[in-house]
């Protein structure tokens, strides 16, 4: 019988949050309307993911929730802001989430 290899469990909230990011990337599209809809859907999904998250994952998912909400508000015209800057911050935070979730040091 082969030896058992136990894989570390993902940190709470990681699977859900990473799925939200993947859905956003796939659904954002190239029009402002599709990007706005994707950002608002991602905001809601990230809020749900943050409720299951702990520690560093929770911190990053809350930041990403704000990022997606801000992008949606900018695209809808509710607030003034630089969409490219907001998108860049979201990308950085998404990479931080990937890094945090990839590390299994709790």
N, C-alpha and C. Protein backbone atom coordinates (compact mmCIF):
# COMPACT_ATOMS: atom_id res chain seq x y z
N UNK A 1 0.85 -1.17 0.00
CA UNK A 1 0.00 0.00 0.00
C UNK A 1 0.90 1.24 0.00
N UNK A 2 0.61 2.22 -0.89
CA UNK A 2 1.45 3.42 -0.95
C UNK A 2 1.28 4.26 0.33
N UNK A 3 2.33 4.99 0.69
CA UNK A 3 2.23 5.82 1.89
C UNK A 3 1.20 6.93 1.69
N UNK A 4 0.54 7.27 2.75
CA UNK A 4 -0.45 8.35 2.69
C UNK A 4 0.26 9.69 2.67
N UNK A 5 -0.20 10.54 1.83
CA UNK A 5 0.35 11.89 1.75
C UNK A 5 -0.78 12.86 2.09
N UNK A 6 -0.64 13.52 3.18
CA UNK A 6 -1.67 14.46 3.59
C UNK A 6 -1.34 15.85 3.06
N UNK A 7 -2.26 16.38 2.31
CA UNK A 7 -2.11 17.73 1.81
C UNK A 7 -2.66 18.69 2.85
N UNK A 8 -2.00 19.80 3.06
CA UNK A 8 -2.55 20.76 4.01
C UNK A 8 -3.90 21.28 3.52
N UNK A 9 -4.79 21.48 4.45
CA UNK A 9 -6.10 22.02 4.09
C UNK A 9 -5.94 23.49 3.71
N UNK A 10 -6.72 23.94 2.74
CA UNK A 10 -6.65 25.36 2.41
C UNK A 10 -7.16 26.20 3.57
N UNK A 11 -6.64 27.38 3.67
CA UNK A 11 -7.10 28.28 4.73
C UNK A 11 -8.58 28.58 4.53
N UNK A 12 -9.32 28.74 5.63
CA UNK A 12 -10.74 29.05 5.50
C UNK A 12 -10.96 30.32 4.67
N UNK A 13 -11.86 30.23 3.72
CA UNK A 13 -12.20 31.36 2.87
C UNK A 13 -11.43 31.40 1.56
N UNK A 14 -10.31 30.71 1.48
CA UNK A 14 -9.48 30.78 0.27
C UNK A 14 -10.20 30.23 -0.95
N UNK A 15 -10.73 29.06 -0.84
CA UNK A 15 -11.37 28.43 -2.00
C UNK A 15 -12.48 29.33 -2.55
N UNK A 16 -13.31 29.85 -1.66
CA UNK A 16 -14.42 30.70 -2.08
C UNK A 16 -13.92 32.00 -2.70
N UNK A 17 -12.95 32.63 -2.06
CA UNK A 17 -12.44 33.92 -2.54
C UNK A 17 -11.73 33.78 -3.88
N UNK A 18 -10.94 32.73 -4.03
CA UNK A 18 -10.25 32.51 -5.30
C UNK A 18 -11.25 32.22 -6.42
N UNK A 19 -12.33 31.54 -6.09
CA UNK A 19 -13.38 31.28 -7.09
C UNK A 19 -14.04 32.59 -7.53
N UNK A 20 -14.23 33.51 -6.59
CA UNK A 20 -14.81 34.82 -6.93
C UNK A 20 -13.90 35.55 -7.91
N UNK A 21 -12.61 35.54 -7.65
CA UNK A 21 -11.67 36.21 -8.54
C UNK A 21 -11.69 35.57 -9.93
N UNK A 22 -11.70 34.25 -9.97
CA UNK A 22 -11.76 33.55 -11.27
C UNK A 22 -13.02 33.92 -12.04
N UNK A 23 -14.17 33.95 -11.34
CA UNK A 23 -15.43 34.33 -12.01
C UNK A 23 -15.35 35.76 -12.53
N UNK A 24 -14.77 36.65 -11.73
CA UNK A 24 -14.66 38.04 -12.16
C UNK A 24 -13.82 38.14 -13.44
N UNK A 25 -12.69 37.48 -13.44
CA UNK A 25 -11.80 37.54 -14.61
C UNK A 25 -12.51 37.01 -15.85
N UNK A 26 -13.27 35.93 -15.69
CA UNK A 26 -13.97 35.34 -16.83
C UNK A 26 -15.15 36.18 -17.31
N UNK A 27 -15.79 36.92 -16.40
CA UNK A 27 -17.04 37.58 -16.77
C UNK A 27 -16.93 39.09 -16.96
N UNK A 28 -15.79 39.70 -16.67
CA UNK A 28 -15.69 41.16 -16.72
C UNK A 28 -15.91 41.72 -18.12
N UNK A 29 -15.46 41.04 -19.13
CA UNK A 29 -15.67 41.51 -20.49
C UNK A 29 -14.94 42.81 -20.80
N UNK A 30 -15.36 43.44 -21.88
CA UNK A 30 -14.65 44.64 -22.33
C UNK A 30 -15.51 45.90 -22.30
N UNK A 31 -16.79 45.76 -21.97
CA UNK A 31 -17.63 46.95 -21.91
C UNK A 31 -17.77 47.42 -20.47
N UNK A 32 -18.04 48.70 -20.30
CA UNK A 32 -18.21 49.23 -18.95
C UNK A 32 -19.36 48.54 -18.22
N UNK A 33 -20.43 48.27 -18.94
CA UNK A 33 -21.59 47.63 -18.32
C UNK A 33 -21.25 46.22 -17.82
N UNK A 34 -20.54 45.45 -18.63
CA UNK A 34 -20.18 44.10 -18.19
C UNK A 34 -19.16 44.14 -17.06
N UNK A 35 -18.25 45.10 -17.10
CA UNK A 35 -17.27 45.24 -16.02
C UNK A 35 -17.95 45.67 -14.72
N UNK A 36 -18.92 46.56 -14.84
CA UNK A 36 -19.66 47.01 -13.65
C UNK A 36 -20.43 45.84 -13.03
N UNK A 37 -21.13 45.08 -13.86
CA UNK A 37 -21.89 43.94 -13.36
C UNK A 37 -20.96 42.91 -12.72
N UNK A 38 -19.84 42.65 -13.35
CA UNK A 38 -18.88 41.68 -12.81
C UNK A 38 -18.30 42.17 -11.48
N UNK A 39 -18.01 43.46 -11.40
CA UNK A 39 -17.46 44.02 -10.16
C UNK A 39 -18.46 43.93 -9.02
N UNK A 40 -19.72 44.22 -9.29
CA UNK A 40 -20.72 44.15 -8.23
C UNK A 40 -20.99 42.71 -7.81
N UNK A 41 -20.98 41.79 -8.76
CA UNK A 41 -21.13 40.37 -8.42
C UNK A 41 -19.93 39.90 -7.60
N UNK A 42 -18.74 40.35 -7.98
CA UNK A 42 -17.53 39.97 -7.24
C UNK A 42 -17.55 40.57 -5.83
N UNK A 43 -18.05 41.78 -5.70
CA UNK A 43 -18.17 42.41 -4.39
C UNK A 43 -19.03 41.53 -3.47
N UNK A 44 -20.19 41.12 -3.98
CA UNK A 44 -21.09 40.30 -3.17
C UNK A 44 -20.46 38.95 -2.84
N UNK A 45 -19.83 38.33 -3.83
CA UNK A 45 -19.18 37.04 -3.60
C UNK A 45 -18.03 37.14 -2.61
N UNK A 46 -17.27 38.22 -2.70
CA UNK A 46 -16.14 38.38 -1.80
C UNK A 46 -16.62 38.66 -0.38
N UNK A 47 -17.74 39.35 -0.24
CA UNK A 47 -18.31 39.56 1.10
C UNK A 47 -18.70 38.22 1.71
N UNK A 48 -19.30 37.35 0.91
CA UNK A 48 -19.66 36.01 1.41
C UNK A 48 -18.40 35.23 1.77
N UNK A 49 -17.38 35.30 0.92
CA UNK A 49 -16.13 34.58 1.19
C UNK A 49 -15.46 35.10 2.47
N UNK A 50 -15.55 36.40 2.69
CA UNK A 50 -14.89 36.97 3.88
C UNK A 50 -15.56 36.50 5.16
N UNK A 51 -16.83 36.14 5.09
CA UNK A 51 -17.51 35.67 6.30
C UNK A 51 -16.98 34.31 6.76
N UNK A 52 -16.41 33.54 5.84
CA UNK A 52 -15.84 32.23 6.19
C UNK A 52 -14.34 32.32 6.47
N UNK A 53 -13.75 33.46 6.16
CA UNK A 53 -12.29 33.60 6.24
C UNK A 53 -11.83 33.96 7.65
N UNK A 54 -10.55 33.74 7.87
CA UNK A 54 -9.92 34.06 9.15
C UNK A 54 -8.57 34.71 8.90
N UNK A 55 -8.12 35.49 9.85
CA UNK A 55 -6.77 36.04 9.83
C UNK A 55 -6.45 36.84 8.59
N UNK A 56 -5.29 36.52 8.00
CA UNK A 56 -4.81 37.26 6.83
C UNK A 56 -5.76 37.12 5.65
N UNK A 57 -6.38 35.96 5.51
CA UNK A 57 -7.32 35.76 4.40
C UNK A 57 -8.52 36.70 4.57
N UNK A 58 -9.01 36.83 5.78
CA UNK A 58 -10.13 37.73 6.04
C UNK A 58 -9.75 39.17 5.70
N UNK A 59 -8.57 39.58 6.12
CA UNK A 59 -8.11 40.95 5.85
C UNK A 59 -8.09 41.22 4.35
N UNK A 60 -7.54 40.30 3.59
CA UNK A 60 -7.43 40.51 2.14
C UNK A 60 -8.81 40.43 1.47
N UNK A 61 -9.67 39.52 1.92
CA UNK A 61 -10.99 39.42 1.29
C UNK A 61 -11.83 40.67 1.57
N UNK A 62 -11.69 41.24 2.75
CA UNK A 62 -12.40 42.48 3.05
C UNK A 62 -11.87 43.61 2.16
N UNK A 63 -10.54 43.67 1.99
CA UNK A 63 -9.95 44.67 1.08
C UNK A 63 -10.47 44.47 -0.34
N UNK A 64 -10.51 43.23 -0.79
CA UNK A 64 -11.00 42.95 -2.14
C UNK A 64 -12.48 43.31 -2.29
N UNK A 65 -13.25 43.09 -1.25
CA UNK A 65 -14.66 43.49 -1.29
C UNK A 65 -14.77 44.98 -1.55
N UNK A 66 -13.98 45.74 -0.81
CA UNK A 66 -13.98 47.20 -1.01
C UNK A 66 -13.50 47.57 -2.42
N UNK A 67 -12.48 46.86 -2.88
CA UNK A 67 -11.95 47.13 -4.22
C UNK A 67 -13.03 46.93 -5.28
N UNK A 68 -13.71 45.79 -5.23
CA UNK A 68 -14.74 45.50 -6.23
C UNK A 68 -15.90 46.48 -6.12
N UNK A 69 -16.27 46.83 -4.90
CA UNK A 69 -17.34 47.80 -4.72
C UNK A 69 -16.93 49.15 -5.32
N UNK A 70 -15.72 49.57 -5.06
CA UNK A 70 -15.22 50.84 -5.58
C UNK A 70 -15.20 50.83 -7.11
N UNK A 71 -14.74 49.74 -7.70
CA UNK A 71 -14.74 49.66 -9.17
C UNK A 71 -16.16 49.77 -9.72
N UNK A 72 -17.10 49.09 -9.08
CA UNK A 72 -18.48 49.17 -9.53
C UNK A 72 -19.03 50.58 -9.42
N UNK A 73 -18.71 51.25 -8.32
CA UNK A 73 -19.17 52.63 -8.13
C UNK A 73 -18.55 53.57 -9.16
N UNK A 74 -17.28 53.40 -9.44
CA UNK A 74 -16.62 54.25 -10.45
C UNK A 74 -17.28 54.04 -11.80
N UNK A 75 -17.49 52.79 -12.18
CA UNK A 75 -18.08 52.50 -13.49
C UNK A 75 -19.53 52.97 -13.60
N UNK A 76 -20.24 52.99 -12.48
CA UNK A 76 -21.64 53.43 -12.52
C UNK A 76 -21.75 54.94 -12.48
N UNK A 77 -20.65 55.62 -12.16
CA UNK A 77 -20.69 57.07 -12.06
C UNK A 77 -21.10 57.57 -10.69
N UNK A 78 -21.26 56.65 -9.74
CA UNK A 78 -21.67 57.06 -8.39
C UNK A 78 -20.57 57.82 -7.67
N UNK A 79 -19.32 57.50 -7.99
CA UNK A 79 -18.18 58.21 -7.42
C UNK A 79 -17.19 58.50 -8.53
N UNK A 80 -16.41 59.54 -8.32
CA UNK A 80 -15.34 59.84 -9.26
C UNK A 80 -14.11 59.07 -8.82
N UNK A 81 -13.39 58.59 -9.77
CA UNK A 81 -12.17 57.87 -9.46
C UNK A 81 -11.53 57.37 -10.74
N UNK A 82 -10.31 56.96 -10.59
CA UNK A 82 -9.55 56.43 -11.71
C UNK A 82 -9.76 54.92 -11.76
N UNK A 83 -10.52 54.47 -12.74
CA UNK A 83 -10.83 53.05 -12.84
C UNK A 83 -9.57 52.21 -13.01
N UNK A 84 -8.63 52.69 -13.82
CA UNK A 84 -7.39 51.94 -14.04
C UNK A 84 -6.62 51.77 -12.73
N UNK A 85 -6.61 52.81 -11.92
CA UNK A 85 -5.94 52.74 -10.62
C UNK A 85 -6.66 51.75 -9.70
N UNK A 86 -7.98 51.81 -9.69
CA UNK A 86 -8.77 50.89 -8.86
C UNK A 86 -8.56 49.45 -9.32
N UNK A 87 -8.50 49.26 -10.62
CA UNK A 87 -8.29 47.93 -11.17
C UNK A 87 -6.89 47.41 -10.81
N UNK A 88 -5.90 48.29 -10.84
CA UNK A 88 -4.53 47.89 -10.48
C UNK A 88 -4.46 47.50 -9.00
N UNK A 89 -5.14 48.25 -8.14
CA UNK A 89 -5.15 47.90 -6.71
C UNK A 89 -5.83 46.55 -6.50
N UNK A 90 -6.92 46.33 -7.21
CA UNK A 90 -7.62 45.05 -7.10
C UNK A 90 -6.72 43.91 -7.55
N UNK A 91 -5.99 44.11 -8.62
CA UNK A 91 -5.07 43.08 -9.11
C UNK A 91 -3.98 42.78 -8.08
N UNK A 92 -3.46 43.83 -7.45
CA UNK A 92 -2.43 43.62 -6.41
C UNK A 92 -3.02 42.86 -5.23
N UNK A 93 -4.22 43.25 -4.82
CA UNK A 93 -4.85 42.56 -3.69
C UNK A 93 -5.19 41.11 -4.04
N UNK A 94 -5.59 40.87 -5.28
CA UNK A 94 -5.88 39.50 -5.72
C UNK A 94 -4.60 38.66 -5.67
N UNK A 95 -3.48 39.24 -6.06
CA UNK A 95 -2.21 38.51 -5.98
C UNK A 95 -1.83 38.25 -4.53
N UNK A 96 -2.09 39.21 -3.67
CA UNK A 96 -1.83 39.01 -2.24
C UNK A 96 -2.66 37.85 -1.72
N UNK A 97 -3.92 37.79 -2.13
CA UNK A 97 -4.78 36.67 -1.72
C UNK A 97 -4.20 35.35 -2.20
N UNK A 98 -3.78 35.30 -3.45
CA UNK A 98 -3.19 34.06 -3.99
C UNK A 98 -1.96 33.66 -3.17
N UNK A 99 -1.13 34.64 -2.84
CA UNK A 99 0.08 34.36 -2.06
C UNK A 99 -0.27 33.85 -0.66
N UNK A 100 -1.22 34.52 -0.01
CA UNK A 100 -1.63 34.11 1.34
C UNK A 100 -2.23 32.71 1.31
N UNK A 101 -3.06 32.45 0.32
CA UNK A 101 -3.71 31.14 0.24
C UNK A 101 -2.71 30.04 -0.15
N UNK A 102 -1.68 30.40 -0.88
CA UNK A 102 -0.67 29.41 -1.28
C UNK A 102 0.23 29.02 -0.11
N UNK A 103 0.39 29.94 0.84
CA UNK A 103 1.21 29.61 2.01
C UNK A 103 0.34 28.86 3.00
N UNK A 104 0.87 27.81 3.52
CA UNK A 104 0.08 26.99 4.46
C UNK A 104 0.55 27.20 5.88
N UNK A 105 1.27 28.29 6.12
CA UNK A 105 1.70 28.62 7.48
C UNK A 105 0.60 29.42 8.12
N UNK A 106 -0.09 28.85 9.04
CA UNK A 106 -1.17 29.57 9.70
C UNK A 106 -0.58 30.41 10.78
